Amino acid sequence: MVKVKLGRFPDSADEIAALEQGRNPITQSKELEKLGLSLVPGSQGDQTENKGVKIADVVSGSDAERKGLKPGDVILEVQGVRVTKQEDVIKGVKRALDKKRPAVLMHVQSGQIKRFVAVQLKKG
């Protein structure tokens, strides 16, 4: 018997850059799927290092897309908690789900602009 681990081909420049630098792009989780996002860690020397997690992709038709989130934006906080890694975003979504909240409040930076965005969680 041969065990095979399936993945997906990287579809964003940030994910490809992470692979080229020997870093693994962040894998998708069910919590991130509910947000309609996939994430990638900031690049070494990047201004986002230790200051959030970059959005690698936004699902077409998702509430995240309707709220104007786009690849390259940086998630700084989720549910009022500072984000430094993917797990922080996942924990924030889990907290919202545990409290039966329909949305997650995120502090997001797009270029030089910071804003708060409430993203509806996909049901199911």
N, C-alpha and C. Protein backbone atom coordinates (compact mmCIF):
# COMPACT_ATOMS: atom_id res chain seq x y z
N MET A 1 0.84 -1.16 0.00
CA MET A 1 0.00 0.00 0.00
C MET A 1 0.90 1.24 0.00
N VAL A 2 0.50 2.23 -0.79
CA VAL A 2 1.23 3.48 -0.87
C VAL A 2 0.31 4.59 -0.37
N LYS A 3 0.81 5.36 0.61
CA LYS A 3 0.03 6.49 1.12
C LYS A 3 0.38 7.73 0.32
N VAL A 4 -0.65 8.46 -0.06
CA VAL A 4 -0.47 9.67 -0.85
C VAL A 4 -1.18 10.81 -0.15
N LYS A 5 -0.49 11.94 -0.03
CA LYS A 5 -1.10 13.14 0.53
C LYS A 5 -1.43 14.08 -0.61
N LEU A 6 -2.71 14.37 -0.77
CA LEU A 6 -3.15 15.25 -1.84
C LEU A 6 -3.13 16.69 -1.38
N GLY A 7 -2.87 17.56 -2.29
CA GLY A 7 -2.87 18.99 -2.01
C GLY A 7 -3.45 19.71 -3.20
N ARG A 8 -3.18 20.99 -3.26
CA ARG A 8 -3.63 21.76 -4.42
C ARG A 8 -2.46 22.54 -4.96
N PHE A 9 -2.50 22.82 -6.23
CA PHE A 9 -1.45 23.58 -6.88
C PHE A 9 -1.56 25.03 -6.43
N PRO A 10 -0.44 25.66 -6.07
CA PRO A 10 -0.52 27.06 -5.62
C PRO A 10 -1.06 27.95 -6.74
N ASP A 11 -2.01 28.81 -6.37
CA ASP A 11 -2.64 29.63 -7.41
C ASP A 11 -2.47 31.12 -7.19
N SER A 12 -1.58 31.49 -6.27
CA SER A 12 -1.32 32.91 -6.10
C SER A 12 0.19 33.15 -6.09
N ALA A 13 0.57 34.36 -6.41
CA ALA A 13 1.99 34.71 -6.44
C ALA A 13 2.62 34.56 -5.06
N ASP A 14 1.87 34.89 -3.99
CA ASP A 14 2.40 34.75 -2.63
C ASP A 14 2.67 33.29 -2.28
N GLU A 15 1.76 32.40 -2.68
CA GLU A 15 1.97 30.98 -2.41
C GLU A 15 3.18 30.45 -3.17
N ILE A 16 3.32 30.83 -4.42
CA ILE A 16 4.45 30.39 -5.23
C ILE A 16 5.75 30.93 -4.65
N ALA A 17 5.75 32.20 -4.24
CA ALA A 17 6.94 32.80 -3.64
C ALA A 17 7.32 32.07 -2.36
N ALA A 18 6.32 31.69 -1.55
CA ALA A 18 6.61 30.96 -0.31
C ALA A 18 7.27 29.62 -0.62
N LEU A 19 6.78 28.93 -1.62
CA LEU A 19 7.38 27.65 -2.01
C LEU A 19 8.80 27.83 -2.52
N GLU A 20 9.03 28.86 -3.33
CA GLU A 20 10.37 29.12 -3.87
C GLU A 20 11.36 29.46 -2.77
N GLN A 21 10.89 30.05 -1.67
CA GLN A 21 11.76 30.40 -0.55
C GLN A 21 11.89 29.26 0.46
N GLY A 22 11.32 28.10 0.12
CA GLY A 22 11.43 26.95 1.01
C GLY A 22 10.44 26.95 2.15
N ARG A 23 9.46 27.87 2.11
CA ARG A 23 8.42 27.90 3.12
C ARG A 23 7.16 27.26 2.55
N ASN A 24 6.39 26.64 3.40
CA ASN A 24 5.13 26.06 2.95
C ASN A 24 4.04 27.11 2.98
N PRO A 25 3.26 27.22 1.89
CA PRO A 25 2.11 28.11 1.96
C PRO A 25 1.12 27.54 2.97
N ILE A 26 0.32 28.40 3.54
CA ILE A 26 -0.64 27.96 4.55
C ILE A 26 -1.75 27.17 3.87
N THR A 27 -2.05 26.04 4.48
CA THR A 27 -3.08 25.17 3.91
C THR A 27 -4.46 25.67 4.33
N GLN A 28 -5.44 25.29 3.56
CA GLN A 28 -6.81 25.70 3.81
C GLN A 28 -7.40 24.87 4.93
N SER A 29 -8.21 25.46 5.77
CA SER A 29 -8.92 24.76 6.83
C SER A 29 -10.41 25.01 6.65
N LYS A 30 -11.22 24.21 7.37
CA LYS A 30 -12.67 24.40 7.23
C LYS A 30 -13.10 25.78 7.75
N GLU A 31 -12.37 26.30 8.76
CA GLU A 31 -12.70 27.63 9.27
C GLU A 31 -12.42 28.71 8.22
N LEU A 32 -11.30 28.58 7.53
CA LEU A 32 -10.97 29.55 6.48
C LEU A 32 -11.94 29.43 5.31
N GLU A 33 -12.38 28.22 5.03
CA GLU A 33 -13.38 28.03 3.97
C GLU A 33 -14.67 28.77 4.32
N LYS A 34 -15.04 28.77 5.60
CA LYS A 34 -16.25 29.49 6.02
C LYS A 34 -16.09 31.00 5.83
N LEU A 35 -14.85 31.49 5.89
CA LEU A 35 -14.58 32.91 5.63
C LEU A 35 -14.51 33.21 4.13
N GLY A 36 -14.22 32.18 3.33
CA GLY A 36 -14.04 32.40 1.90
C GLY A 36 -12.64 32.90 1.57
N LEU A 37 -11.65 32.53 2.41
CA LEU A 37 -10.28 33.01 2.24
C LEU A 37 -9.28 31.87 2.28
N SER A 38 -8.14 32.10 1.65
CA SER A 38 -6.95 31.29 1.91
C SER A 38 -5.85 32.28 2.25
N LEU A 39 -4.91 31.84 3.09
CA LEU A 39 -3.90 32.74 3.63
C LEU A 39 -2.50 32.24 3.31
N VAL A 40 -1.55 33.15 3.40
CA VAL A 40 -0.13 32.82 3.24
C VAL A 40 0.64 33.71 4.21
N PRO A 41 1.70 33.17 4.83
CA PRO A 41 2.45 34.01 5.77
C PRO A 41 3.16 35.13 5.04
N GLY A 42 3.48 36.23 5.74
CA GLY A 42 4.23 37.34 5.16
C GLY A 42 5.62 36.88 4.77
N SER A 43 6.22 37.52 3.77
CA SER A 43 7.57 37.19 3.31
C SER A 43 8.60 37.71 4.29
N GLN A 44 9.78 37.09 4.31
CA GLN A 44 10.86 37.56 5.15
C GLN A 44 11.19 39.00 4.76
N GLY A 45 11.34 39.87 5.73
CA GLY A 45 11.66 41.26 5.45
C GLY A 45 10.46 42.08 5.00
N ASP A 46 9.34 41.44 4.83
CA ASP A 46 8.12 42.12 4.40
C ASP A 46 7.59 42.95 5.56
N GLN A 47 6.93 44.05 5.26
CA GLN A 47 6.40 44.91 6.31
C GLN A 47 5.33 44.22 7.14
N THR A 48 4.75 43.11 6.63
CA THR A 48 3.70 42.42 7.36
C THR A 48 4.24 41.38 8.32
N GLU A 49 5.56 41.14 8.32
CA GLU A 49 6.12 40.12 9.19
C GLU A 49 5.76 40.43 10.65
N ASN A 50 5.20 39.43 11.32
CA ASN A 50 4.74 39.55 12.71
C ASN A 50 3.66 40.60 12.88
N LYS A 51 3.07 41.05 11.82
CA LYS A 51 2.00 42.04 11.89
C LYS A 51 0.81 41.57 11.07
N GLY A 52 0.40 40.35 11.25
CA GLY A 52 -0.75 39.85 10.54
C GLY A 52 -0.42 38.76 9.56
N VAL A 53 -1.43 38.33 8.85
CA VAL A 53 -1.32 37.26 7.87
C VAL A 53 -1.92 37.75 6.55
N LYS A 54 -1.21 37.50 5.46
CA LYS A 54 -1.68 37.94 4.14
C LYS A 54 -2.78 37.05 3.60
N ILE A 55 -3.71 37.67 2.92
CA ILE A 55 -4.74 36.93 2.19
C ILE A 55 -4.13 36.51 0.85
N ALA A 56 -4.15 35.22 0.57
CA ALA A 56 -3.61 34.69 -0.68
C ALA A 56 -4.68 34.67 -1.77
N ASP A 57 -5.92 34.35 -1.37
CA ASP A 57 -6.99 34.23 -2.35
C ASP A 57 -8.33 34.48 -1.66
N VAL A 58 -9.28 34.99 -2.41
CA VAL A 58 -10.64 35.24 -1.92
C VAL A 58 -11.59 34.48 -2.84
N VAL A 59 -12.48 33.69 -2.25
CA VAL A 59 -13.43 32.90 -3.02
C VAL A 59 -14.42 33.82 -3.73
N SER A 60 -14.55 33.61 -5.02
CA SER A 60 -15.48 34.38 -5.82
C SER A 60 -16.91 34.18 -5.32
N GLY A 61 -17.63 35.27 -5.13
CA GLY A 61 -19.01 35.21 -4.65
C GLY A 61 -19.15 35.14 -3.15
N SER A 62 -18.04 35.08 -2.42
CA SER A 62 -18.09 35.00 -0.96
C SER A 62 -18.39 36.38 -0.38
N ASP A 63 -18.79 36.40 0.90
CA ASP A 63 -19.02 37.67 1.58
C ASP A 63 -17.72 38.45 1.69
N ALA A 64 -16.59 37.74 1.85
CA ALA A 64 -15.29 38.41 1.91
C ALA A 64 -15.04 39.20 0.62
N GLU A 65 -15.39 38.61 -0.50
CA GLU A 65 -15.22 39.32 -1.79
C GLU A 65 -16.17 40.52 -1.85
N ARG A 66 -17.42 40.32 -1.43
CA ARG A 66 -18.39 41.42 -1.45
C ARG A 66 -17.96 42.57 -0.54
N LYS A 67 -17.22 42.26 0.53
CA LYS A 67 -16.75 43.29 1.46
C LYS A 67 -15.46 43.95 0.98
N GLY A 68 -14.96 43.53 -0.19
CA GLY A 68 -13.79 44.19 -0.78
C GLY A 68 -12.45 43.62 -0.37
N LEU A 69 -12.43 42.46 0.31
CA LEU A 69 -11.14 41.85 0.64
C LEU A 69 -10.52 41.29 -0.63
N LYS A 70 -9.19 41.37 -0.71
CA LYS A 70 -8.51 40.90 -1.93
C LYS A 70 -7.14 40.34 -1.57
N PRO A 71 -6.58 39.53 -2.47
CA PRO A 71 -5.24 38.99 -2.22
C PRO A 71 -4.24 40.13 -1.97
N GLY A 72 -3.38 39.90 -0.97
CA GLY A 72 -2.41 40.92 -0.60
C GLY A 72 -2.82 41.72 0.61
N ASP A 73 -4.13 41.77 0.91
CA ASP A 73 -4.59 42.44 2.13
C ASP A 73 -4.04 41.66 3.33
N VAL A 74 -3.89 42.34 4.44
CA VAL A 74 -3.31 41.72 5.64
C VAL A 74 -4.34 41.75 6.76
N ILE A 75 -4.60 40.58 7.35
CA ILE A 75 -5.50 40.48 8.51
C ILE A 75 -4.66 40.75 9.75
N LEU A 76 -5.00 41.83 10.48
CA LEU A 76 -4.25 42.23 11.66
C LEU A 76 -4.85 41.68 12.96
N GLU A 77 -6.18 41.62 13.01
CA GLU A 77 -6.90 41.12 14.18
C GLU A 77 -8.14 40.37 13.75
N VAL A 78 -8.53 39.39 14.56
CA VAL A 78 -9.79 38.67 14.37
C VAL A 78 -10.47 38.61 15.72
N GLN A 79 -11.71 39.09 15.79
CA GLN A 79 -12.48 39.11 17.02
C GLN A 79 -11.72 39.83 18.13
N GLY A 80 -10.98 40.88 17.78
CA GLY A 80 -10.27 41.69 18.76
C GLY A 80 -8.94 41.12 19.22
N VAL A 81 -8.51 40.00 18.64
CA VAL A 81 -7.25 39.37 19.02
C VAL A 81 -6.23 39.54 17.90
N ARG A 82 -5.04 40.01 18.26
CA ARG A 82 -3.96 40.24 17.30
C ARG A 82 -3.60 38.94 16.57
N VAL A 83 -3.36 39.06 15.26
CA VAL A 83 -3.03 37.92 14.42
C VAL A 83 -1.55 37.97 14.04
N THR A 84 -0.84 36.86 14.29
CA THR A 84 0.55 36.75 13.86
C THR A 84 0.78 35.52 13.00
N LYS A 85 -0.21 34.61 13.01
CA LYS A 85 -0.10 33.38 12.22
C LYS A 85 -1.50 32.87 11.86
N GLN A 86 -1.54 31.93 10.93
CA GLN A 86 -2.82 31.38 10.45
C GLN A 86 -3.68 30.86 11.59
N GLU A 87 -3.06 30.21 12.55
CA GLU A 87 -3.82 29.61 13.65
C GLU A 87 -4.61 30.65 14.44
N ASP A 88 -4.11 31.88 14.49
CA ASP A 88 -4.83 32.95 15.18
C ASP A 88 -6.15 33.27 14.48
N VAL A 89 -6.14 33.23 13.15
CA VAL A 89 -7.37 33.47 12.38
C VAL A 89 -8.34 32.33 12.61
N ILE A 90 -7.83 31.10 12.57
CA ILE A 90 -8.68 29.92 12.78
C ILE A 90 -9.30 29.95 14.18
N LYS A 91 -8.51 30.30 15.21
CA LYS A 91 -9.04 30.39 16.58
C LYS A 91 -10.14 31.44 16.67
N GLY A 92 -9.96 32.57 15.99
CA GLY A 92 -10.98 33.62 16.00
C GLY A 92 -12.28 33.15 15.39
N VAL A 93 -12.17 32.42 14.28
CA VAL A 93 -13.38 31.88 13.63
C VAL A 93 -14.04 30.86 14.55
N LYS A 94 -13.24 29.99 15.18
CA LYS A 94 -13.80 28.99 16.09
C LYS A 94 -14.52 29.66 17.26
N ARG A 95 -13.94 30.74 17.81
CA ARG A 95 -14.60 31.47 18.91
C ARG A 95 -15.95 32.01 18.45
N ALA A 96 -15.98 32.57 17.24
CA ALA A 96 -17.25 33.11 16.72
C ALA A 96 -18.27 31.99 16.53
N LEU A 97 -17.82 30.85 16.02
CA LEU A 97 -18.73 29.71 15.82
C LEU A 97 -19.24 29.18 17.16
N ASP A 98 -18.35 29.09 18.15
CA ASP A 98 -18.75 28.61 19.48
C ASP A 98 -19.81 29.50 20.11
N LYS A 99 -19.73 30.80 19.82
CA LYS A 99 -20.70 31.76 20.36
C LYS A 99 -21.91 31.94 19.44
N LYS A 100 -21.97 31.09 18.41
CA LYS A 100 -23.08 31.11 17.43
C LYS A 100 -23.21 32.45 16.72
N ARG A 101 -22.08 33.11 16.48
CA ARG A 101 -22.07 34.39 15.77
C ARG A 101 -22.15 34.13 14.27
N PRO A 102 -22.92 34.93 13.53
CA PRO A 102 -23.03 34.73 12.08
C PRO A 102 -21.87 35.34 11.29
N ALA A 103 -21.03 36.16 11.97
CA ALA A 103 -19.95 36.85 11.27
C ALA A 103 -18.72 36.94 12.17
N VAL A 104 -17.60 37.26 11.54
CA VAL A 104 -16.33 37.46 12.24
C VAL A 104 -15.87 38.89 11.96
N LEU A 105 -15.50 39.61 13.02
CA LEU A 105 -15.00 40.97 12.86
C LEU A 105 -13.49 40.92 12.70
N MET A 106 -13.00 41.48 11.60
CA MET A 106 -11.57 41.47 11.31
C MET A 106 -11.06 42.89 11.11
N HIS A 107 -9.86 43.15 11.59
CA HIS A 107 -9.16 44.40 11.33
C HIS A 107 -8.21 44.09 10.18
N VAL A 108 -8.38 44.77 9.06
CA VAL A 108 -7.66 44.45 7.83
C VAL A 108 -6.92 45.68 7.31
N GLN A 109 -5.73 45.44 6.77
CA GLN A 109 -4.96 46.51 6.16
C GLN A 109 -4.85 46.25 4.66
N SER A 110 -5.27 47.25 3.88
CA SER A 110 -5.14 47.22 2.41
C SER A 110 -4.23 48.38 2.03
N GLY A 111 -2.98 48.06 1.69
CA GLY A 111 -2.02 49.13 1.42
C GLY A 111 -1.79 49.90 2.70
N GLN A 112 -2.04 51.21 2.68
CA GLN A 112 -1.87 52.05 3.87
C GLN A 112 -3.17 52.24 4.65
N ILE A 113 -4.26 51.68 4.14
CA ILE A 113 -5.57 51.88 4.75
C ILE A 113 -5.92 50.70 5.65
N LYS A 114 -6.32 51.01 6.90
CA LYS A 114 -6.77 49.99 7.84
C LYS A 114 -8.26 50.18 8.05
N ARG A 115 -8.98 49.06 8.13
CA ARG A 115 -10.42 49.14 8.35
C ARG A 115 -10.91 47.89 9.06
N PHE A 116 -12.10 47.98 9.65
CA PHE A 116 -12.73 46.83 10.27
C PHE A 116 -13.77 46.30 9.29
N VAL A 117 -13.81 44.97 9.17
CA VAL A 117 -14.73 44.31 8.25
C VAL A 117 -15.41 43.15 8.97
N ALA A 118 -16.72 43.10 8.93
CA ALA A 118 -17.47 41.96 9.47
C ALA A 118 -17.79 41.03 8.30
N VAL A 119 -17.19 39.85 8.32
CA VAL A 119 -17.37 38.89 7.22
C VAL A 119 -18.32 37.80 7.70
N GLN A 120 -19.42 37.62 6.95
CA GLN A 120 -20.39 36.59 7.25
C GLN A 120 -19.75 35.21 7.04
N LEU A 121 -20.01 34.30 7.97
CA LEU A 121 -19.49 32.94 7.85
C LEU A 121 -20.43 32.11 6.98
N LYS A 122 -19.82 31.37 6.08
CA LYS A 122 -20.59 30.48 5.20
C LYS A 122 -21.19 29.38 6.04
N LYS A 123 -22.45 29.08 5.83
CA LYS A 123 -23.11 28.03 6.60
C LYS A 123 -22.76 26.66 6.02
N GLY A 124 -22.78 25.68 6.92
CA GLY A 124 -22.55 24.30 6.46
C GLY A 124 -21.30 23.68 6.95
